[in-house]
Amino acid sequence: MGNFKILCLGDAVGPAALEAISKNLASLRKKYGADMVIINGENVSSGNGIMPDEADQLFYSGVDVITGGNHIWQKNRIYSYLDDTSEIIRPANYPPSNPGHGYTIVNMGAARVLVMNVLGTVFMESLACPFETVDKILEREKGNYDISVLDIHAEATAEKKSLAYYLDGRVNVIFGTHTHVATADEQVLPKGSGYITDLGMCGCQESCLGVEAEIIIDKLKSKMPARFKLAEGDITLCGALFELDENFKAVSVTRIKEREL
């Protein structure tokens, strides 16, 4: 068996990003030789969140797993879908009574892939400890997977980095989402985990995190509430390609930035 490649795409923002992913993912998957595609889809709807038909469109386009974050609950029509569909997950450190699942195991043929999702607690909601949450999942599913992947949806880079070093050698692929800005620290950690602090955003780059810049400027200057409007323009797909060897240790992490074709 050759090396196993996982294409991970950052937060998809708005319907235009959804359409760009639908049009371009097959060619990108071929271009990078990706065996699996994971995307953070919690912002794909207008006004944040994700709807069942939008999740279906991502899966139809070639996405294997959709991860979430603090906006995953924005559309209540997704609640039963989260319960019924194992390939879309929400942060595992929310209360267990909440809709959905915090991780999934997908059989990709060449490997069984455990994909986990946690929310950071620094500058965000007060939830269960993400460190302990991942430990419990790894222990619970020991022997049931070949590759493990973690999406850390968090604000603080230090928290993401700390989790990465804590899990180095125990989780094969570790990436951050949420800030919508790609970081330039893609690396293979000392014990063999592939890591990047943030994948960036799939959306209009001529914007403030996907929103019209003038709206955010006015809000920051006036300190008044504002109605956000998604920016319009060319869509860029940002993420990273993780390559694992025959022992599923990371051998490379490559940042990607693709303009819509």
C-alpha atoms as a PDB file:
ATOM      1  CA  MET A   1       0.000   0.000   0.000  1.00  0.00           C
ATOM      2  CA  GLY A   2       1.234   3.505  -0.809  1.00  0.00           C
ATOM      3  CA  ASN A   3       1.125   6.523   1.431  1.00  0.00           C
ATOM      4  CA  PHE A   4      -2.289   7.629   2.687  1.00  0.00           C
ATOM      5  CA  LYS A   5      -3.247  11.251   1.967  1.00  0.00           C
ATOM      6  CA  ILE A   6      -5.939  13.261   3.762  1.00  0.00           C
ATOM      7  CA  LEU A   7      -7.093  16.591   2.318  1.00  0.00           C
ATOM      8  CA  CYS A   8      -8.453  18.828   5.087  1.00  0.00           C
ATOM      9  CA  LEU A   9     -10.301  22.040   4.176  1.00  0.00           C
ATOM     10  CA  GLY A  10     -10.896  24.982   6.510  1.00  0.00           C
ATOM     11  CA  ASP A  11     -14.174  26.593   7.525  1.00  0.00           C
ATOM     12  CA  ALA A  12     -16.524  26.792   4.535  1.00  0.00           C
ATOM     13  CA  VAL A  13     -18.301  30.155   4.689  1.00  0.00           C
ATOM     14  CA  GLY A  14     -21.609  30.652   2.933  1.00  0.00           C
ATOM     15  CA  PRO A  15     -23.469  29.248  -0.071  1.00  0.00           C
ATOM     16  CA  ALA A  16     -20.894  30.523  -2.577  1.00  0.00           C
ATOM     17  CA  ALA A  17     -18.191  28.456  -0.849  1.00  0.00           C
ATOM     18  CA  LEU A  18     -20.500  25.448  -0.923  1.00  0.00           C
ATOM     19  CA  GLU A  19     -20.960  25.831  -4.673  1.00  0.00           C
ATOM     20  CA  ALA A  20     -17.216  26.265  -5.229  1.00  0.00           C
ATOM     21  CA  ILE A  21     -16.492  23.098  -3.262  1.00  0.00           C
ATOM     22  CA  SER A  22     -19.154  21.209  -5.196  1.00  0.00           C
ATOM     23  CA  LYS A  23     -17.658  22.308  -8.537  1.00  0.00           C
ATOM     24  CA  ASN A  24     -13.983  21.856  -7.701  1.00  0.00           C
ATOM     25  CA  LEU A  25     -13.525  19.123  -5.116  1.00  0.00           C
ATOM     26  CA  ALA A  26     -13.359  16.202  -7.550  1.00  0.00           C
ATOM     27  CA  SER A  27     -10.529  17.843  -9.479  1.00  0.00           C
ATOM     28  CA  LEU A  28      -8.719  18.866  -6.289  1.00  0.00           C
ATOM     29  CA  ARG A  29      -9.010  15.377  -4.898  1.00  0.00           C
ATOM     30  CA  LYS A  30      -7.432  14.036  -8.080  1.00  0.00           C
ATOM     31  CA  LYS A  31      -4.764  16.764  -8.185  1.00  0.00           C
ATOM     32  CA  TYR A  32      -3.551  15.991  -4.663  1.00  0.00           C
ATOM     33  CA  GLY A  33      -4.150  12.240  -4.789  1.00  0.00           C
ATOM     34  CA  ALA A  34      -6.308  12.478  -1.686  1.00  0.00           C
ATOM     35  CA  ASP A  35      -7.643   9.229  -0.247  1.00  0.00           C
ATOM     36  CA  MET A  36      -9.958  11.119   2.105  1.00  0.00           C
ATOM     37  CA  VAL A  37     -11.467  14.618   2.421  1.00  0.00           C
ATOM     38  CA  ILE A  38     -12.495  16.321   5.671  1.00  0.00           C
ATOM     39  CA  ILE A  39     -14.030  19.803   5.873  1.00  0.00           C
ATOM     40  CA  ASN A  40     -15.278  22.057   8.630  1.00  0.00           C
ATOM     41  CA  GLY A  41     -18.814  22.902   7.524  1.00  0.00           C
ATOM     42  CA  GLU A  42     -20.394  24.742  10.443  1.00  0.00           C
ATOM     43  CA  ASN A  43     -20.605  28.084   8.569  1.00  0.00           C
ATOM     44  CA  VAL A  44     -21.801  26.936   5.170  1.00  0.00           C
ATOM     45  CA  SER A  45     -25.308  28.373   5.612  1.00  0.00           C
ATOM     46  CA  SER A  46     -26.185  32.043   5.333  1.00  0.00           C
ATOM     47  CA  GLY A  47     -26.129  33.327   8.910  1.00  0.00           C
ATOM     48  CA  ASN A  48     -23.888  30.486  10.125  1.00  0.00           C
ATOM     49  CA  GLY A  49     -24.746  26.854  10.763  1.00  0.00           C
ATOM     50  CA  ILE A  50     -25.414  24.076   8.288  1.00  0.00           C
ATOM     51  CA  MET A  51     -28.648  22.615   6.922  1.00  0.00           C
ATOM     52  CA  PRO A  52     -29.258  18.941   6.063  1.00  0.00           C
ATOM     53  CA  ASP A  53     -29.416  19.593   2.309  1.00  0.00           C
ATOM     54  CA  GLU A  54     -26.125  21.516   2.482  1.00  0.00           C
ATOM     55  CA  ALA A  55     -24.458  18.649   4.316  1.00  0.00           C
ATOM     56  CA  ASP A  56     -25.811  16.264   1.669  1.00  0.00           C
ATOM     57  CA  GLN A  57     -24.352  18.482  -1.062  1.00  0.00           C
ATOM     58  CA  LEU A  58     -20.922  18.372   0.586  1.00  0.00           C
ATOM     59  CA  PHE A  59     -21.064  14.583   0.833  1.00  0.00           C
ATOM     60  CA  TYR A  60     -22.228  14.297  -2.782  1.00  0.00           C
ATOM     61  CA  SER A  61     -19.302  16.469  -3.900  1.00  0.00           C
ATOM     62  CA  GLY A  62     -16.808  14.039  -2.353  1.00  0.00           C
ATOM     63  CA  VAL A  63     -16.421  15.084   1.290  1.00  0.00           C
ATOM     64  CA  ASP A  64     -16.037  12.065   3.580  1.00  0.00           C
ATOM     65  CA  VAL A  65     -16.448  13.745   6.988  1.00  0.00           C
ATOM     66  CA  ILE A  66     -17.843  17.133   8.038  1.00  0.00           C
ATOM     67  CA  THR A  67     -16.656  18.596  11.339  1.00  0.00           C
ATOM     68  CA  GLY A  68     -18.296  21.384  13.315  1.00  0.00           C
ATOM     69  CA  GLY A  69     -17.756  23.975  16.010  1.00  0.00           C
ATOM     70  CA  ASN A  70     -19.583  26.540  18.099  1.00  0.00           C
ATOM     71  CA  HIS A  71     -22.006  27.427  15.246  1.00  0.00           C
ATOM     72  CA  ILE A  72     -23.089  23.828  14.586  1.00  0.00           C
ATOM     73  CA  TRP A  73     -26.331  24.387  16.529  1.00  0.00           C
ATOM     74  CA  GLN A  74     -27.352  27.560  14.630  1.00  0.00           C
ATOM     75  CA  LYS A  75     -30.001  25.827  12.470  1.00  0.00           C
ATOM     76  CA  ASN A  76     -32.254  23.581  14.529  1.00  0.00           C
ATOM     77  CA  ARG A  77     -33.187  21.526  11.454  1.00  0.00           C
ATOM     78  CA  ILE A  78     -29.719  19.975  11.664  1.00  0.00           C
ATOM     79  CA  TYR A  79     -30.322  18.427  15.098  1.00  0.00           C
ATOM     80  CA  SER A  80     -31.951  15.178  13.998  1.00  0.00           C
ATOM     81  CA  TYR A  81     -29.553  14.979  11.043  1.00  0.00           C
ATOM     82  CA  LEU A  82     -26.628  15.081  13.492  1.00  0.00           C
ATOM     83  CA  ASP A  83     -28.176  12.166  15.376  1.00  0.00           C
ATOM     84  CA  ASP A  84     -28.859  10.128  12.247  1.00  0.00           C
ATOM     85  CA  THR A  85     -25.718  10.774  10.148  1.00  0.00           C
ATOM     86  CA  SER A  86     -22.412   9.571  11.590  1.00  0.00           C
ATOM     87  CA  GLU A  87     -20.193  11.306   8.997  1.00  0.00           C
ATOM     88  CA  ILE A  88     -21.065  14.781  10.324  1.00  0.00           C
ATOM     89  CA  ILE A  89     -19.756  15.427  13.820  1.00  0.00           C
ATOM     90  CA  ARG A  90     -19.908  18.189  16.419  1.00  0.00           C
ATOM     91  CA  PRO A  91     -17.421  18.995  19.217  1.00  0.00           C
ATOM     92  CA  ALA A  92     -17.204  16.024  21.580  1.00  0.00           C
ATOM     93  CA  ASN A  93     -16.800  18.130  24.717  1.00  0.00           C
ATOM     94  CA  TYR A  94     -20.326  19.544  24.564  1.00  0.00           C
ATOM     95  CA  PRO A  95     -22.748  17.825  26.967  1.00  0.00           C
ATOM     96  CA  PRO A  96     -23.431  14.228  25.826  1.00  0.00           C
ATOM     97  CA  SER A  97     -27.178  14.942  25.822  1.00  0.00           C
ATOM     98  CA  ASN A  98     -26.738  17.404  22.922  1.00  0.00           C
ATOM     99  CA  PRO A  99     -27.661  16.205  19.423  1.00  0.00           C
ATOM    100  CA  GLY A 100     -25.044  14.407  17.373  1.00  0.00           C
ATOM    101  CA  HIS A 101     -21.736  12.661  17.889  1.00  0.00           C
ATOM    102  CA  GLY A 102     -18.308  14.011  18.806  1.00  0.00           C
ATOM    103  CA  TYR A 103     -16.401  11.555  16.644  1.00  0.00           C
ATOM    104  CA  THR A 104     -16.829   8.972  13.929  1.00  0.00           C
ATOM    105  CA  ILE A 105     -14.903   6.035  12.485  1.00  0.00           C
ATOM    106  CA  VAL A 106     -14.960   5.793   8.694  1.00  0.00           C
ATOM    107  CA  ASN A 107     -13.717   2.738   6.802  1.00  0.00           C
ATOM    108  CA  MET A 108     -11.822   4.135   3.817  1.00  0.00           C
ATOM    109  CA  GLY A 109     -10.753   0.706   2.564  1.00  0.00           C
ATOM    110  CA  ALA A 110      -7.034   1.193   3.063  1.00  0.00           C
ATOM    111  CA  ALA A 111      -7.578   2.331   6.647  1.00  0.00           C
ATOM    112  CA  ARG A 112     -10.172   2.823   9.359  1.00  0.00           C
ATOM    113  CA  VAL A 113     -10.065   6.528  10.198  1.00  0.00           C
ATOM    114  CA  LEU A 114     -11.167   7.935  13.549  1.00  0.00           C
ATOM    115  CA  VAL A 115     -12.145  11.611  13.162  1.00  0.00           C
ATOM    116  CA  MET A 116     -12.663  13.644  16.338  1.00  0.00           C
ATOM    117  CA  ASN A 117     -13.836  17.202  16.953  1.00  0.00           C
ATOM    118  CA  VAL A 118     -13.336  19.324  20.092  1.00  0.00           C
ATOM    119  CA  LEU A 119     -14.022  22.942  20.980  1.00  0.00           C
ATOM    120  CA  GLY A 120     -11.385  25.041  22.700  1.00  0.00           C
ATOM    121  CA  THR A 121     -12.271  26.563  26.062  1.00  0.00           C
ATOM    122  CA  VAL A 122      -9.940  29.613  26.027  1.00  0.00           C
ATOM    123  CA  PHE A 123     -11.964  32.736  25.073  1.00  0.00           C
ATOM    124  CA  MET A 124     -14.853  30.417  24.146  1.00  0.00           C
ATOM    125  CA  GLU A 125     -17.553  28.436  25.935  1.00  0.00           C
ATOM    126  CA  SER A 126     -16.916  26.701  29.242  1.00  0.00           C
ATOM    127  CA  LEU A 127     -17.085  23.048  28.245  1.00  0.00           C
ATOM    128  CA  ALA A 128     -15.513  19.775  29.277  1.00  0.00           C
ATOM    129  CA  CYS A 129     -11.719  19.708  29.092  1.00  0.00           C
ATOM    130  CA  PRO A 130     -10.686  19.011  25.474  1.00  0.00           C
ATOM    131  CA  PHE A 131      -7.525  17.200  26.638  1.00  0.00           C
ATOM    132  CA  GLU A 132      -9.501  14.741  28.777  1.00  0.00           C
ATOM    133  CA  THR A 133     -12.203  14.419  26.122  1.00  0.00           C
ATOM    134  CA  VAL A 134      -9.738  13.206  23.471  1.00  0.00           C
ATOM    135  CA  ASP A 135      -8.038  10.881  25.977  1.00  0.00           C
ATOM    136  CA  LYS A 136     -11.376   9.213  26.700  1.00  0.00           C
ATOM    137  CA  ILE A 137     -12.213   8.754  23.012  1.00  0.00           C
ATOM    138  CA  LEU A 138      -8.811   7.235  22.237  1.00  0.00           C
ATOM    139  CA  GLU A 139      -9.138   4.819  25.134  1.00  0.00           C
ATOM    140  CA  ARG A 140     -12.741   3.912  24.266  1.00  0.00           C
ATOM    141  CA  GLU A 141     -11.958   3.183  20.610  1.00  0.00           C
ATOM    142  CA  LYS A 142      -8.552   1.563  21.095  1.00  0.00           C
ATOM    143  CA  GLY A 143      -8.067  -1.158  18.462  1.00  0.00           C
ATOM    144  CA  ASN A 144     -10.999   0.044  16.338  1.00  0.00           C
ATOM    145  CA  TYR A 145      -9.081   2.415  14.049  1.00  0.00           C
ATOM    146  CA  ASP A 146      -5.815   2.715  12.115  1.00  0.00           C
ATOM    147  CA  ILE A 147      -5.549   6.502  11.702  1.00  0.00           C
ATOM    148  CA  SER A 148      -6.776   9.210  14.050  1.00  0.00           C
ATOM    149  CA  VAL A 149      -7.620  12.802  13.100  1.00  0.00           C
ATOM    150  CA  LEU A 150      -8.536  15.749  15.330  1.00  0.00           C
ATOM    151  CA  ASP A 151     -10.176  19.074  14.416  1.00  0.00           C
ATOM    152  CA  ILE A 152      -9.506  21.563  17.232  1.00  0.00           C
ATOM    153  CA  HIS A 153     -12.075  24.338  16.773  1.00  0.00           C
ATOM    154  CA  ALA A 154     -10.560  27.020  18.972  1.00  0.00           C
ATOM    155  CA  GLU A 155      -9.733  30.696  19.309  1.00  0.00           C
ATOM    156  CA  ALA A 156      -6.383  30.555  21.087  1.00  0.00           C
ATOM    157  CA  THR A 157      -3.370  29.364  19.118  1.00  0.00           C
ATOM    158  CA  ALA A 158      -1.613  28.405  22.348  1.00  0.00           C
ATOM    159  CA  GLU A 159      -4.442  26.024  23.248  1.00  0.00           C
ATOM    160  CA  LYS A 160      -4.307  24.367  19.825  1.00  0.00           C
ATOM    161  CA  LYS A 161      -0.534  24.041  19.985  1.00  0.00           C
ATOM    162  CA  SER A 162      -0.644  22.636  23.526  1.00  0.00           C
ATOM    163  CA  LEU A 163      -3.199  20.019  22.515  1.00  0.00           C
ATOM    164  CA  ALA A 164      -1.044  19.088  19.541  1.00  0.00           C
ATOM    165  CA  TYR A 165       2.072  18.472  21.631  1.00  0.00           C
ATOM    166  CA  TYR A 166       0.004  16.638  24.250  1.00  0.00           C
ATOM    167  CA  LEU A 167      -1.354  14.297  21.559  1.00  0.00           C
ATOM    168  CA  ASP A 168       1.802  14.037  19.439  1.00  0.00           C
ATOM    169  CA  GLY A 169       2.376  10.403  18.520  1.00  0.00           C
ATOM    170  CA  ARG A 170      -1.129   9.411  19.628  1.00  0.00           C
ATOM    171  CA  VAL A 171      -3.191  11.291  17.023  1.00  0.00           C
ATOM    172  CA  ASN A 172      -1.858  11.114  13.462  1.00  0.00           C
ATOM    173  CA  VAL A 173      -3.401  14.279  11.996  1.00  0.00           C
ATOM    174  CA  ILE A 174      -4.125  17.392  14.071  1.00  0.00           C
ATOM    175  CA  PHE A 175      -5.445  20.663  12.662  1.00  0.00           C
ATOM    176  CA  GLY A 176      -7.116  23.790  13.954  1.00  0.00           C
ATOM    177  CA  THR A 177     -10.152  25.614  12.616  1.00  0.00           C
ATOM    178  CA  HIS A 178     -12.313  28.604  13.656  1.00  0.00           C
ATOM    179  CA  THR A 179     -10.110  31.663  13.049  1.00  0.00           C
ATOM    180  CA  HIS A 180     -10.585  31.556   9.233  1.00  0.00           C
ATOM    181  CA  VAL A 181      -6.950  32.624   8.751  1.00  0.00           C
ATOM    182  CA  ALA A 182      -4.435  30.039   7.589  1.00  0.00           C
ATOM    183  CA  THR A 183      -1.290  29.757   9.686  1.00  0.00           C
ATOM    184  CA  ALA A 184       2.196  29.120   8.296  1.00  0.00           C
ATOM    185  CA  ASP A 185       3.296  26.517  10.859  1.00  0.00           C
ATOM    186  CA  GLU A 186       2.499  23.277   9.022  1.00  0.00           C
ATOM    187  CA  GLN A 187       4.868  20.638  10.407  1.00  0.00           C
ATOM    188  CA  VAL A 188       5.499  17.064  11.461  1.00  0.00           C
ATOM    189  CA  LEU A 189       5.803  17.064  15.245  1.00  0.00           C
ATOM    190  CA  PRO A 190       8.660  15.173  16.982  1.00  0.00           C
ATOM    191  CA  LYS A 191       6.661  11.984  17.622  1.00  0.00           C
ATOM    192  CA  GLY A 192       5.157  11.783  14.130  1.00  0.00           C
ATOM    193  CA  SER A 193       1.892  13.724  14.162  1.00  0.00           C
ATOM    194  CA  GLY A 194       1.092  16.088  11.300  1.00  0.00           C
ATOM    195  CA  TYR A 195      -0.059  19.500  12.501  1.00  0.00           C
ATOM    196  CA  ILE A 196      -1.167  23.001  11.482  1.00  0.00           C
ATOM    197  CA  THR A 197      -2.653  25.588  13.848  1.00  0.00           C
ATOM    198  CA  ASP A 198      -5.383  26.723  11.436  1.00  0.00           C
ATOM    199  CA  LEU A 199      -6.426  25.524   7.994  1.00  0.00           C
ATOM    200  CA  GLY A 200      -7.874  28.884   7.006  1.00  0.00           C
ATOM    201  CA  MET A 201     -11.161  29.484   5.210  1.00  0.00           C
ATOM    202  CA  CYS A 202     -13.042  28.375   2.144  1.00  0.00           C
ATOM    203  CA  GLY A 203     -14.736  31.587   1.118  1.00  0.00           C
ATOM    204  CA  CYS A 204     -14.266  35.077  -0.301  1.00  0.00           C
ATOM    205  CA  GLN A 205     -10.749  36.220   0.609  1.00  0.00           C
ATOM    206  CA  GLU A 206     -11.597  39.886  -0.085  1.00  0.00           C
ATOM    207  CA  SER A 207     -13.492  40.048   3.193  1.00  0.00           C
ATOM    208  CA  CYS A 208     -13.163  40.074   6.949  1.00  0.00           C
ATOM    209  CA  LEU A 209     -13.428  36.348   7.715  1.00  0.00           C
ATOM    210  CA  GLY A 210     -16.049  36.013   4.979  1.00  0.00           C
ATOM    211  CA  VAL A 211     -18.087  39.097   5.918  1.00  0.00           C
ATOM    212  CA  GLU A 212     -18.040  42.432   4.056  1.00  0.00           C
ATOM    213  CA  ALA A 213     -15.092  44.326   5.526  1.00  0.00           C
ATOM    214  CA  GLU A 214     -16.898  47.681   5.823  1.00  0.00           C
ATOM    215  CA  ILE A 215     -19.503  46.147   8.125  1.00  0.00           C
ATOM    216  CA  ILE A 216     -16.833  44.863  10.496  1.00  0.00           C
ATOM    217  CA  ILE A 217     -14.902  48.135  10.366  1.00  0.00           C
ATOM    218  CA  ASP A 218     -18.033  50.114  11.287  1.00  0.00           C
ATOM    219  CA  LYS A 219     -18.877  47.676  14.083  1.00  0.00           C
ATOM    220  CA  LEU A 220     -15.385  47.878  15.579  1.00  0.00           C
ATOM    221  CA  LYS A 221     -15.374  51.669  15.400  1.00  0.00           C
ATOM    222  CA  SER A 222     -18.922  52.264  16.688  1.00  0.00           C
ATOM    223  CA  LYS A 223     -19.194  49.301  19.091  1.00  0.00           C
ATOM    224  CA  MET A 224     -22.788  48.979  17.884  1.00  0.00           C
ATOM    225  CA  PRO A 225     -24.608  45.832  16.728  1.00  0.00           C
ATOM    226  CA  ALA A 226     -24.485  45.164  12.992  1.00  0.00           C
ATOM    227  CA  ARG A 227     -26.157  42.813  10.556  1.00  0.00           C
ATOM    228  CA  PHE A 228     -23.456  40.750   8.872  1.00  0.00           C
ATOM    229  CA  LYS A 229     -23.532  40.293   5.111  1.00  0.00           C
ATOM    230  CA  LEU A 230     -21.383  37.728   3.375  1.00  0.00           C
ATOM    231  CA  ALA A 231     -18.841  39.234   1.013  1.00  0.00           C
ATOM    232  CA  GLU A 232     -19.134  38.502  -2.690  1.00  0.00           C
ATOM    233  CA  GLY A 233     -16.243  37.733  -4.994  1.00  0.00           C
ATOM    234  CA  ASP A 234     -13.849  35.008  -6.032  1.00  0.00           C
ATOM    235  CA  ILE A 235     -13.775  32.030  -3.711  1.00  0.00           C
ATOM    236  CA  THR A 236     -10.513  30.583  -2.402  1.00  0.00           C
ATOM    237  CA  LEU A 237     -10.308  27.112  -0.886  1.00  0.00           C
ATOM    238  CA  CYS A 238      -7.743  26.853   1.921  1.00  0.00           C
ATOM    239  CA  GLY A 239      -6.565  23.808   3.815  1.00  0.00           C
ATOM    240  CA  ALA A 240      -3.741  21.308   4.116  1.00  0.00           C
ATOM    241  CA  LEU A 241      -2.752  17.937   2.707  1.00  0.00           C
ATOM    242  CA  PHE A 242      -1.476  15.428   5.254  1.00  0.00           C
ATOM    243  CA  GLU A 243       0.572  12.505   3.939  1.00  0.00           C
ATOM    244  CA  LEU A 244       1.052   9.414   6.116  1.00  0.00           C
ATOM    245  CA  ASP A 245       3.465   6.530   5.526  1.00  0.00           C
ATOM    246  CA  GLU A 246       2.701   2.788   5.683  1.00  0.00           C
ATOM    247  CA  ASN A 247       2.861   2.986   9.499  1.00  0.00           C
ATOM    248  CA  PHE A 248       0.466   5.965   9.410  1.00  0.00           C
ATOM    249  CA  LYS A 249       3.052   8.401  10.722  1.00  0.00           C
ATOM    250  CA  ALA A 250       2.985  11.814   9.081  1.00  0.00           C
ATOM    251  CA  VAL A 251       5.734  12.381   6.532  1.00  0.00           C
ATOM    252  CA  SER A 252       4.567  15.766   5.244  1.00  0.00           C
ATOM    253  CA  VAL A 253       2.034  18.536   5.731  1.00  0.00           C
ATOM    254  CA  THR A 254       1.432  20.815   2.752  1.00  0.00           C
ATOM    255  CA  ARG A 255      -0.591  24.008   3.020  1.00  0.00           C
ATOM    256  CA  ILE A 256      -2.934  24.553   0.068  1.00  0.00           C
ATOM    257  CA  LYS A 257      -4.657  27.644  -1.327  1.00  0.00           C
ATOM    258  CA  GLU A 258      -6.703  27.155  -4.466  1.00  0.00           C
ATOM    259  CA  ARG A 259      -8.688  29.752  -6.366  1.00  0.00           C
ATOM    260  CA  GLU A 260     -12.060  28.595  -7.622  1.00  0.00           C
ATOM    261  CA  LEU A 261     -11.678  27.123 -11.095  1.00  0.00           C
END
